[in-house]
C-alpha cells in the first residue's frame, strides 16, 4: 500500500530552515533575527515572511545544504485543489502562485548563467542576459494579470 505524501506547510518549511541555518547565518542573510523568522512561521502571529527573505533563505539552503524547502512548499501549494474559492479570487491566488514558479525559473536561469561550466563561466554573457530578461518579463506580465483581475473585483 502506498503512503500519502504529507503536504508541507509554511510553518514546517520555516522550521526546517531554522533548524539548518545558524542565528548568525539568518541575521546575515535576511538582516532579521532567527526569533523574528520563527515568529513568521507561527500561524497565530500577524507577521509574515517577506518574499525577498524567502528567496535569500532558499538560496542559502541550496548552497549550504543542497535543499530547497520553499520550492517544495510552493510545489505542494500549486498542486492543492482550490475548490472553495470563488472564481475571480481563485484566479488571483493561482496567478500569485504562478509568480513563485516563474521566480524559480528566473533563479534557475541566473544560476545556470553564473555556473563556471556555462558559456561565459561565472560571467553572464549577452544571450544569457536575454534569457534572464525574458524570465523577468514573464513575471512582469503575470503581475499585470493580477492587477487587472484585482481591478475587476
N, C-alpha and C. Protein backbone atom coordinates (compact mmCIF):
# COMPACT_ATOMS: atom_id res chain seq x y z
N UNK A 1 0.84 -1.17 0.00
CA UNK A 1 0.00 0.00 0.00
C UNK A 1 0.89 1.24 0.00
N UNK A 2 0.55 2.22 -0.85
CA UNK A 2 1.36 3.42 -0.91
C UNK A 2 0.92 4.41 0.18
N UNK A 3 1.87 5.23 0.60
CA UNK A 3 1.59 6.22 1.64
C UNK A 3 1.24 7.54 0.98
N UNK A 4 0.35 8.27 1.63
CA UNK A 4 0.00 9.59 1.16
C UNK A 4 1.09 10.55 1.60
N UNK A 5 1.57 11.35 0.67
CA UNK A 5 2.61 12.32 0.99
C UNK A 5 2.01 13.47 1.79
N UNK A 6 2.70 13.87 2.85
CA UNK A 6 2.25 14.99 3.68
C UNK A 6 2.46 16.30 2.94
N UNK A 7 1.44 17.14 2.92
CA UNK A 7 1.56 18.47 2.34
C UNK A 7 2.40 19.31 3.29
N UNK A 8 3.39 19.96 2.75
CA UNK A 8 4.30 20.77 3.56
C UNK A 8 3.64 22.12 3.83
N UNK A 9 3.68 22.57 5.08
CA UNK A 9 3.13 23.88 5.44
C UNK A 9 4.27 24.90 5.50
N UNK A 10 3.90 26.17 5.49
CA UNK A 10 4.91 27.22 5.61
C UNK A 10 5.58 27.12 6.98
N UNK A 11 4.83 26.72 7.99
CA UNK A 11 5.41 26.56 9.32
C UNK A 11 6.48 25.47 9.31
N UNK A 12 6.16 24.35 8.67
CA UNK A 12 7.10 23.23 8.55
C UNK A 12 8.34 23.68 7.78
N UNK A 13 8.12 24.41 6.71
CA UNK A 13 9.21 24.88 5.87
C UNK A 13 10.14 25.80 6.65
N UNK A 14 9.57 26.76 7.37
CA UNK A 14 10.40 27.69 8.14
C UNK A 14 11.15 26.97 9.26
N UNK A 15 10.52 25.98 9.88
CA UNK A 15 11.21 25.23 10.93
C UNK A 15 12.40 24.47 10.35
N UNK A 16 12.26 23.94 9.14
CA UNK A 16 13.38 23.25 8.51
C UNK A 16 14.53 24.21 8.25
N UNK A 17 14.21 25.39 7.77
CA UNK A 17 15.24 26.40 7.51
C UNK A 17 15.92 26.80 8.81
N UNK A 18 15.13 27.06 9.84
CA UNK A 18 15.68 27.47 11.14
C UNK A 18 16.55 26.39 11.76
N UNK A 19 16.19 25.15 11.52
CA UNK A 19 16.96 24.02 12.06
C UNK A 19 18.32 23.92 11.36
N UNK A 20 18.38 24.28 10.08
CA UNK A 20 19.59 24.08 9.29
C UNK A 20 20.51 25.29 9.22
N UNK A 21 20.01 26.47 9.53
CA UNK A 21 20.85 27.68 9.46
C UNK A 21 21.04 28.26 10.85
N UNK A 22 22.23 28.75 11.12
CA UNK A 22 22.53 29.31 12.44
C UNK A 22 21.91 30.70 12.60
N UNK A 23 21.88 31.17 13.84
CA UNK A 23 21.39 32.52 14.13
C UNK A 23 22.18 33.54 13.31
N UNK A 24 23.50 33.38 13.29
CA UNK A 24 24.38 34.30 12.56
C UNK A 24 24.07 34.28 11.06
N UNK A 25 23.90 33.07 10.49
CA UNK A 25 23.60 32.94 9.06
C UNK A 25 22.30 33.67 8.72
N UNK A 26 21.27 33.43 9.51
CA UNK A 26 19.97 34.05 9.23
C UNK A 26 20.06 35.57 9.35
N UNK A 27 20.74 36.06 10.37
CA UNK A 27 20.91 37.51 10.54
C UNK A 27 21.65 38.10 9.35
N UNK A 28 22.69 37.42 8.91
CA UNK A 28 23.50 37.91 7.79
C UNK A 28 22.72 37.86 6.47
N UNK A 29 21.93 36.82 6.28
CA UNK A 29 21.19 36.62 5.03
C UNK A 29 20.01 37.57 4.92
N UNK A 30 19.24 37.72 6.01
CA UNK A 30 17.99 38.49 5.92
C UNK A 30 18.04 39.84 6.63
N UNK A 31 19.01 40.00 7.53
CA UNK A 31 19.02 41.21 8.35
C UNK A 31 18.01 41.14 9.49
N UNK A 32 17.42 39.96 9.67
CA UNK A 32 16.43 39.76 10.73
C UNK A 32 16.93 38.65 11.65
N UNK A 33 16.44 38.67 12.88
CA UNK A 33 16.86 37.66 13.84
C UNK A 33 16.17 36.33 13.56
N UNK A 34 16.78 35.29 14.09
CA UNK A 34 16.20 33.95 13.95
C UNK A 34 14.84 33.90 14.65
N UNK A 35 14.71 34.59 15.78
CA UNK A 35 13.44 34.58 16.50
C UNK A 35 12.34 35.28 15.69
N UNK A 36 12.70 36.33 14.95
CA UNK A 36 11.71 37.01 14.11
C UNK A 36 11.22 36.06 13.02
N UNK A 37 12.15 35.36 12.36
CA UNK A 37 11.77 34.42 11.31
C UNK A 37 10.91 33.31 11.91
N UNK A 38 11.24 32.87 13.11
CA UNK A 38 10.45 31.84 13.80
C UNK A 38 9.02 32.33 14.01
N UNK A 39 8.87 33.58 14.40
CA UNK A 39 7.54 34.15 14.63
C UNK A 39 6.74 34.25 13.33
N UNK A 40 7.42 34.41 12.21
CA UNK A 40 6.74 34.45 10.91
C UNK A 40 6.09 33.10 10.60
N UNK A 41 6.61 32.03 11.18
CA UNK A 41 6.06 30.70 10.96
C UNK A 41 4.93 30.35 11.91
N UNK A 42 4.60 31.24 12.83
CA UNK A 42 3.53 30.99 13.79
C UNK A 42 2.21 31.44 13.16
N UNK A 43 1.27 30.51 12.94
CA UNK A 43 0.01 30.89 12.30
C UNK A 43 -0.83 31.85 13.14
N UNK A 44 -0.56 31.93 14.45
CA UNK A 44 -1.30 32.84 15.31
C UNK A 44 -0.67 34.23 15.39
N UNK A 45 0.49 34.41 14.77
CA UNK A 45 1.18 35.70 14.78
C UNK A 45 0.86 36.42 13.47
N UNK A 46 0.74 37.74 13.54
CA UNK A 46 0.41 38.53 12.36
C UNK A 46 1.57 38.66 11.37
N UNK A 47 2.79 38.45 11.84
CA UNK A 47 3.96 38.63 10.99
C UNK A 47 4.00 37.58 9.89
N UNK A 48 4.45 38.02 8.73
CA UNK A 48 4.65 37.11 7.61
C UNK A 48 6.03 37.36 7.03
N UNK A 49 6.64 36.31 6.55
CA UNK A 49 7.98 36.43 5.99
C UNK A 49 7.91 37.14 4.63
N UNK A 50 8.84 38.02 4.38
CA UNK A 50 8.90 38.73 3.11
C UNK A 50 9.45 37.81 2.02
N UNK A 51 8.97 38.02 0.82
CA UNK A 51 9.39 37.17 -0.30
C UNK A 51 10.89 37.27 -0.54
N UNK A 52 11.45 38.46 -0.40
CA UNK A 52 12.90 38.61 -0.62
C UNK A 52 13.69 37.78 0.39
N UNK A 53 13.15 37.65 1.61
CA UNK A 53 13.80 36.82 2.62
C UNK A 53 13.67 35.34 2.28
N UNK A 54 12.50 34.96 1.74
CA UNK A 54 12.30 33.58 1.30
C UNK A 54 13.33 33.22 0.24
N UNK A 55 13.49 34.10 -0.74
CA UNK A 55 14.45 33.84 -1.83
C UNK A 55 15.87 33.74 -1.27
N UNK A 56 16.24 34.66 -0.40
CA UNK A 56 17.59 34.64 0.17
C UNK A 56 17.82 33.38 1.00
N UNK A 57 16.83 33.00 1.80
CA UNK A 57 16.98 31.79 2.61
C UNK A 57 17.00 30.54 1.74
N UNK A 58 16.22 30.53 0.69
CA UNK A 58 16.21 29.38 -0.24
C UNK A 58 17.58 29.22 -0.90
N UNK A 59 18.16 30.33 -1.32
CA UNK A 59 19.50 30.29 -1.92
C UNK A 59 20.53 29.75 -0.93
N UNK A 60 20.45 30.20 0.31
CA UNK A 60 21.39 29.73 1.33
C UNK A 60 21.19 28.25 1.60
N UNK A 61 19.95 27.81 1.70
CA UNK A 61 19.68 26.39 1.94
C UNK A 61 20.20 25.54 0.78
N UNK A 62 20.03 26.05 -0.42
CA UNK A 62 20.52 25.30 -1.57
C UNK A 62 22.04 25.26 -1.58
N UNK A 63 22.66 26.38 -1.28
CA UNK A 63 24.12 26.47 -1.30
C UNK A 63 24.76 25.62 -0.20
N UNK A 64 24.24 25.74 1.02
CA UNK A 64 24.87 25.08 2.16
C UNK A 64 24.41 23.64 2.41
N UNK A 65 23.16 23.35 2.06
CA UNK A 65 22.60 22.05 2.43
C UNK A 65 22.00 21.28 1.25
N UNK A 66 22.08 21.83 0.03
CA UNK A 66 21.52 21.22 -1.16
C UNK A 66 20.04 20.87 -0.96
N UNK A 67 19.32 21.75 -0.28
CA UNK A 67 17.89 21.58 -0.04
C UNK A 67 17.16 22.81 -0.56
N UNK A 68 15.93 22.61 -0.99
CA UNK A 68 15.09 23.71 -1.47
C UNK A 68 13.71 23.63 -0.79
N UNK A 69 13.65 23.94 0.49
CA UNK A 69 12.38 23.78 1.22
C UNK A 69 11.24 24.68 0.72
N UNK A 70 11.55 25.90 0.35
CA UNK A 70 10.48 26.79 -0.11
C UNK A 70 9.97 26.36 -1.48
N UNK A 71 10.84 25.84 -2.33
CA UNK A 71 10.40 25.32 -3.63
C UNK A 71 9.47 24.13 -3.44
N UNK A 72 9.79 23.28 -2.49
CA UNK A 72 8.91 22.13 -2.20
C UNK A 72 7.56 22.63 -1.69
N UNK A 73 7.60 23.62 -0.82
CA UNK A 73 6.35 24.18 -0.29
C UNK A 73 5.51 24.75 -1.43
N UNK A 74 6.14 25.51 -2.30
CA UNK A 74 5.41 26.11 -3.41
C UNK A 74 4.83 25.03 -4.32
N UNK A 75 5.60 24.02 -4.60
CA UNK A 75 5.12 22.93 -5.46
C UNK A 75 3.90 22.26 -4.83
N UNK A 76 3.95 22.01 -3.52
CA UNK A 76 2.80 21.43 -2.84
C UNK A 76 1.59 22.35 -2.93
N UNK A 77 1.80 23.63 -2.73
CA UNK A 77 0.68 24.57 -2.78
C UNK A 77 0.07 24.65 -4.18
N UNK A 78 0.90 24.54 -5.20
CA UNK A 78 0.39 24.60 -6.57
C UNK A 78 -0.40 23.36 -6.94
N UNK A 79 -0.15 22.26 -6.27
CA UNK A 79 -0.87 21.03 -6.60
C UNK A 79 -2.13 20.84 -5.77
N UNK A 80 -2.36 21.66 -4.75
CA UNK A 80 -3.57 21.55 -3.94
C UNK A 80 -4.79 22.00 -4.75
N UNK A 81 -5.88 21.27 -4.65
CA UNK A 81 -7.10 21.75 -5.32
C UNK A 81 -7.62 23.00 -4.61
N UNK A 82 -8.03 23.96 -5.38
CA UNK A 82 -8.53 25.23 -4.83
C UNK A 82 -10.04 25.30 -5.08
N UNK A 83 -10.78 24.41 -4.46
CA UNK A 83 -12.20 24.27 -4.75
C UNK A 83 -13.09 25.25 -3.99
N UNK A 84 -12.67 25.72 -2.85
CA UNK A 84 -13.54 26.52 -2.01
C UNK A 84 -13.40 28.03 -2.24
N UNK A 85 -12.68 28.45 -3.25
CA UNK A 85 -12.51 29.87 -3.54
C UNK A 85 -13.38 30.25 -4.73
N UNK A 86 -14.00 31.43 -4.70
CA UNK A 86 -14.75 31.89 -5.88
C UNK A 86 -13.80 32.07 -7.06
N UNK A 87 -14.32 31.98 -8.24
CA UNK A 87 -13.52 32.01 -9.46
C UNK A 87 -12.52 33.15 -9.56
N UNK A 88 -12.97 34.38 -9.41
CA UNK A 88 -12.07 35.50 -9.62
C UNK A 88 -10.99 35.58 -8.55
N UNK A 89 -11.35 35.33 -7.29
CA UNK A 89 -10.35 35.35 -6.24
C UNK A 89 -9.40 34.17 -6.37
N UNK A 90 -9.93 33.03 -6.82
CA UNK A 90 -9.10 31.87 -7.08
C UNK A 90 -8.09 32.19 -8.18
N UNK A 91 -8.53 32.95 -9.16
CA UNK A 91 -7.63 33.32 -10.26
C UNK A 91 -6.47 34.17 -9.75
N UNK A 92 -6.74 35.09 -8.83
CA UNK A 92 -5.66 35.90 -8.24
C UNK A 92 -4.67 35.00 -7.52
N UNK A 93 -5.20 34.08 -6.71
CA UNK A 93 -4.34 33.20 -5.94
C UNK A 93 -3.47 32.35 -6.87
N UNK A 94 -4.06 31.80 -7.91
CA UNK A 94 -3.30 30.97 -8.84
C UNK A 94 -2.22 31.78 -9.56
N UNK A 95 -2.54 33.00 -9.92
CA UNK A 95 -1.55 33.85 -10.59
C UNK A 95 -0.39 34.18 -9.65
N UNK A 96 -0.70 34.46 -8.39
CA UNK A 96 0.35 34.76 -7.43
C UNK A 96 1.24 33.54 -7.23
N UNK A 97 0.63 32.38 -7.13
CA UNK A 97 1.43 31.15 -7.00
C UNK A 97 2.27 30.93 -8.25
N UNK A 98 1.71 31.27 -9.39
CA UNK A 98 2.45 31.14 -10.64
C UNK A 98 3.68 32.03 -10.67
N UNK A 99 3.59 33.18 -10.03
CA UNK A 99 4.75 34.07 -9.96
C UNK A 99 5.88 33.36 -9.21
N UNK A 100 5.53 32.67 -8.15
CA UNK A 100 6.54 31.92 -7.41
C UNK A 100 7.25 30.92 -8.30
N UNK A 101 6.48 30.24 -9.13
CA UNK A 101 7.08 29.28 -10.05
C UNK A 101 7.98 29.99 -11.06
N UNK A 102 7.52 31.13 -11.55
CA UNK A 102 8.33 31.89 -12.52
C UNK A 102 9.61 32.43 -11.88
N UNK A 103 9.53 32.81 -10.61
CA UNK A 103 10.73 33.26 -9.91
C UNK A 103 11.71 32.09 -9.80
N UNK A 104 11.17 30.90 -9.60
CA UNK A 104 12.03 29.72 -9.59
C UNK A 104 12.74 29.52 -10.92
N UNK A 105 12.01 29.74 -12.01
CA UNK A 105 12.61 29.64 -13.34
C UNK A 105 13.69 30.71 -13.51
N UNK A 106 13.39 31.92 -13.06
CA UNK A 106 14.37 33.01 -13.12
C UNK A 106 15.61 32.66 -12.31
N UNK A 107 15.42 32.13 -11.12
CA UNK A 107 16.53 31.70 -10.27
C UNK A 107 17.39 30.68 -11.01
N UNK A 108 16.74 29.70 -11.63
CA UNK A 108 17.48 28.67 -12.37
C UNK A 108 18.29 29.28 -13.52
N UNK A 109 17.69 30.23 -14.24
CA UNK A 109 18.39 30.88 -15.35
C UNK A 109 19.63 31.63 -14.87
N UNK A 110 19.48 32.36 -13.78
CA UNK A 110 20.62 33.10 -13.24
C UNK A 110 21.69 32.14 -12.75
N UNK A 111 21.26 31.11 -12.06
CA UNK A 111 22.22 30.14 -11.53
C UNK A 111 22.98 29.44 -12.66
N UNK A 112 22.27 29.03 -13.70
CA UNK A 112 22.92 28.36 -14.83
C UNK A 112 23.89 29.30 -15.54
N UNK A 113 23.49 30.56 -15.70
CA UNK A 113 24.35 31.50 -16.41
C UNK A 113 25.62 31.84 -15.62
N UNK A 114 25.56 31.69 -14.31
CA UNK A 114 26.73 32.01 -13.49
C UNK A 114 27.55 30.77 -13.12
N UNK A 115 27.13 29.63 -13.62
CA UNK A 115 27.87 28.39 -13.38
C UNK A 115 29.18 28.46 -14.17
N UNK A 116 30.24 28.01 -13.56
CA UNK A 116 31.54 28.07 -14.24
C UNK A 116 31.57 27.22 -15.51
N UNK A 117 30.62 26.30 -15.67
CA UNK A 117 30.55 25.46 -16.87
C UNK A 117 29.71 26.10 -17.97
N UNK A 118 29.11 27.26 -17.70
CA UNK A 118 28.28 27.92 -18.70
C UNK A 118 29.16 28.61 -19.75
N UNK A 119 28.52 29.15 -20.77
CA UNK A 119 29.23 29.75 -21.90
C UNK A 119 30.24 30.81 -21.47
N UNK A 120 29.86 31.66 -20.52
CA UNK A 120 30.75 32.73 -20.08
C UNK A 120 31.41 32.46 -18.75
N UNK A 121 31.32 31.22 -18.30
CA UNK A 121 31.84 30.93 -16.97
C UNK A 121 30.97 31.63 -15.93
N UNK A 122 31.58 32.21 -14.93
CA UNK A 122 30.81 32.88 -13.88
C UNK A 122 30.26 34.23 -14.34
N UNK A 123 30.71 34.70 -15.49
CA UNK A 123 30.23 35.98 -16.03
C UNK A 123 29.00 35.73 -16.90
N UNK A 124 28.01 36.58 -16.78
CA UNK A 124 26.78 36.45 -17.57
C UNK A 124 27.03 37.07 -18.95
N UNK A 125 26.88 36.26 -19.99
CA UNK A 125 27.11 36.71 -21.37
C UNK A 125 25.79 37.18 -21.98
N UNK A 126 25.84 37.91 -23.12
CA UNK A 126 24.64 38.52 -23.69
C UNK A 126 23.45 37.58 -23.91
N UNK A 127 23.66 36.39 -24.45
CA UNK A 127 22.49 35.52 -24.68
C UNK A 127 21.89 35.04 -23.36
N UNK A 128 22.70 34.93 -22.32
CA UNK A 128 22.19 34.57 -21.00
C UNK A 128 21.40 35.73 -20.40
N UNK A 129 21.87 36.96 -20.65
CA UNK A 129 21.14 38.14 -20.19
C UNK A 129 19.76 38.19 -20.84
N UNK A 130 19.69 37.84 -22.13
CA UNK A 130 18.40 37.83 -22.82
C UNK A 130 17.45 36.82 -22.20
N UNK A 131 17.95 35.64 -21.87
CA UNK A 131 17.11 34.62 -21.23
C UNK A 131 16.61 35.10 -19.87
N UNK A 132 17.49 35.73 -19.11
CA UNK A 132 17.11 36.25 -17.80
C UNK A 132 16.06 37.36 -17.96
N UNK A 133 16.28 38.24 -18.92
CA UNK A 133 15.33 39.32 -19.16
C UNK A 133 13.97 38.75 -19.55
N UNK A 134 13.96 37.71 -20.38
CA UNK A 134 12.71 37.06 -20.79
C UNK A 134 11.96 36.52 -19.56
N UNK A 135 12.70 35.90 -18.65
CA UNK A 135 12.08 35.37 -17.44
C UNK A 135 11.50 36.50 -16.58
N UNK A 136 12.22 37.61 -16.49
CA UNK A 136 11.74 38.77 -15.73
C UNK A 136 10.48 39.34 -16.39
N UNK A 137 10.48 39.39 -17.71
CA UNK A 137 9.32 39.91 -18.45
C UNK A 137 8.09 39.04 -18.21
N UNK A 138 8.27 37.72 -18.12
CA UNK A 138 7.13 36.83 -17.85
C UNK A 138 6.56 37.08 -16.45
N UNK A 139 7.44 37.37 -15.49
CA UNK A 139 6.97 37.71 -14.15
C UNK A 139 6.19 39.02 -14.20
N UNK A 140 6.71 40.00 -14.93
CA UNK A 140 6.04 41.28 -15.06
C UNK A 140 4.66 41.12 -15.72
N UNK A 141 4.58 40.28 -16.75
CA UNK A 141 3.30 40.02 -17.40
C UNK A 141 2.30 39.40 -16.44
N UNK A 142 2.77 38.49 -15.61
CA UNK A 142 1.89 37.84 -14.65
C UNK A 142 1.42 38.85 -13.60
N UNK A 143 2.30 39.75 -13.18
CA UNK A 143 1.88 40.80 -12.24
C UNK A 143 0.80 41.68 -12.86
N UNK A 144 0.93 41.97 -14.15
CA UNK A 144 -0.10 42.76 -14.84
C UNK A 144 -1.44 42.04 -14.84
N UNK A 145 -1.41 40.72 -15.04
CA UNK A 145 -2.65 39.93 -15.00
C UNK A 145 -3.31 40.06 -13.62
N UNK A 146 -2.51 39.96 -12.60
CA UNK A 146 -3.04 40.05 -11.23
C UNK A 146 -3.66 41.41 -11.00
N UNK A 147 -2.98 42.46 -11.44
CA UNK A 147 -3.52 43.81 -11.27
C UNK A 147 -4.87 43.97 -11.97
N UNK A 148 -4.99 43.44 -13.18
CA UNK A 148 -6.24 43.58 -13.92
C UNK A 148 -7.36 42.77 -13.26
N UNK A 149 -7.05 41.58 -12.75
CA UNK A 149 -8.08 40.78 -12.06
C UNK A 149 -8.52 41.49 -10.79
N UNK A 150 -7.57 42.05 -10.03
CA UNK A 150 -7.91 42.76 -8.80
C UNK A 150 -8.79 43.99 -9.09
N UNK A 151 -8.49 44.69 -10.18
CA UNK A 151 -9.31 45.85 -10.53
C UNK A 151 -10.75 45.45 -10.84
N UNK A 152 -10.92 44.23 -11.39
CA UNK A 152 -12.25 43.78 -11.77
C UNK A 152 -13.07 43.24 -10.59
N UNK A 153 -12.45 43.04 -9.45
CA UNK A 153 -13.19 42.50 -8.29
C UNK A 153 -14.07 43.55 -7.65
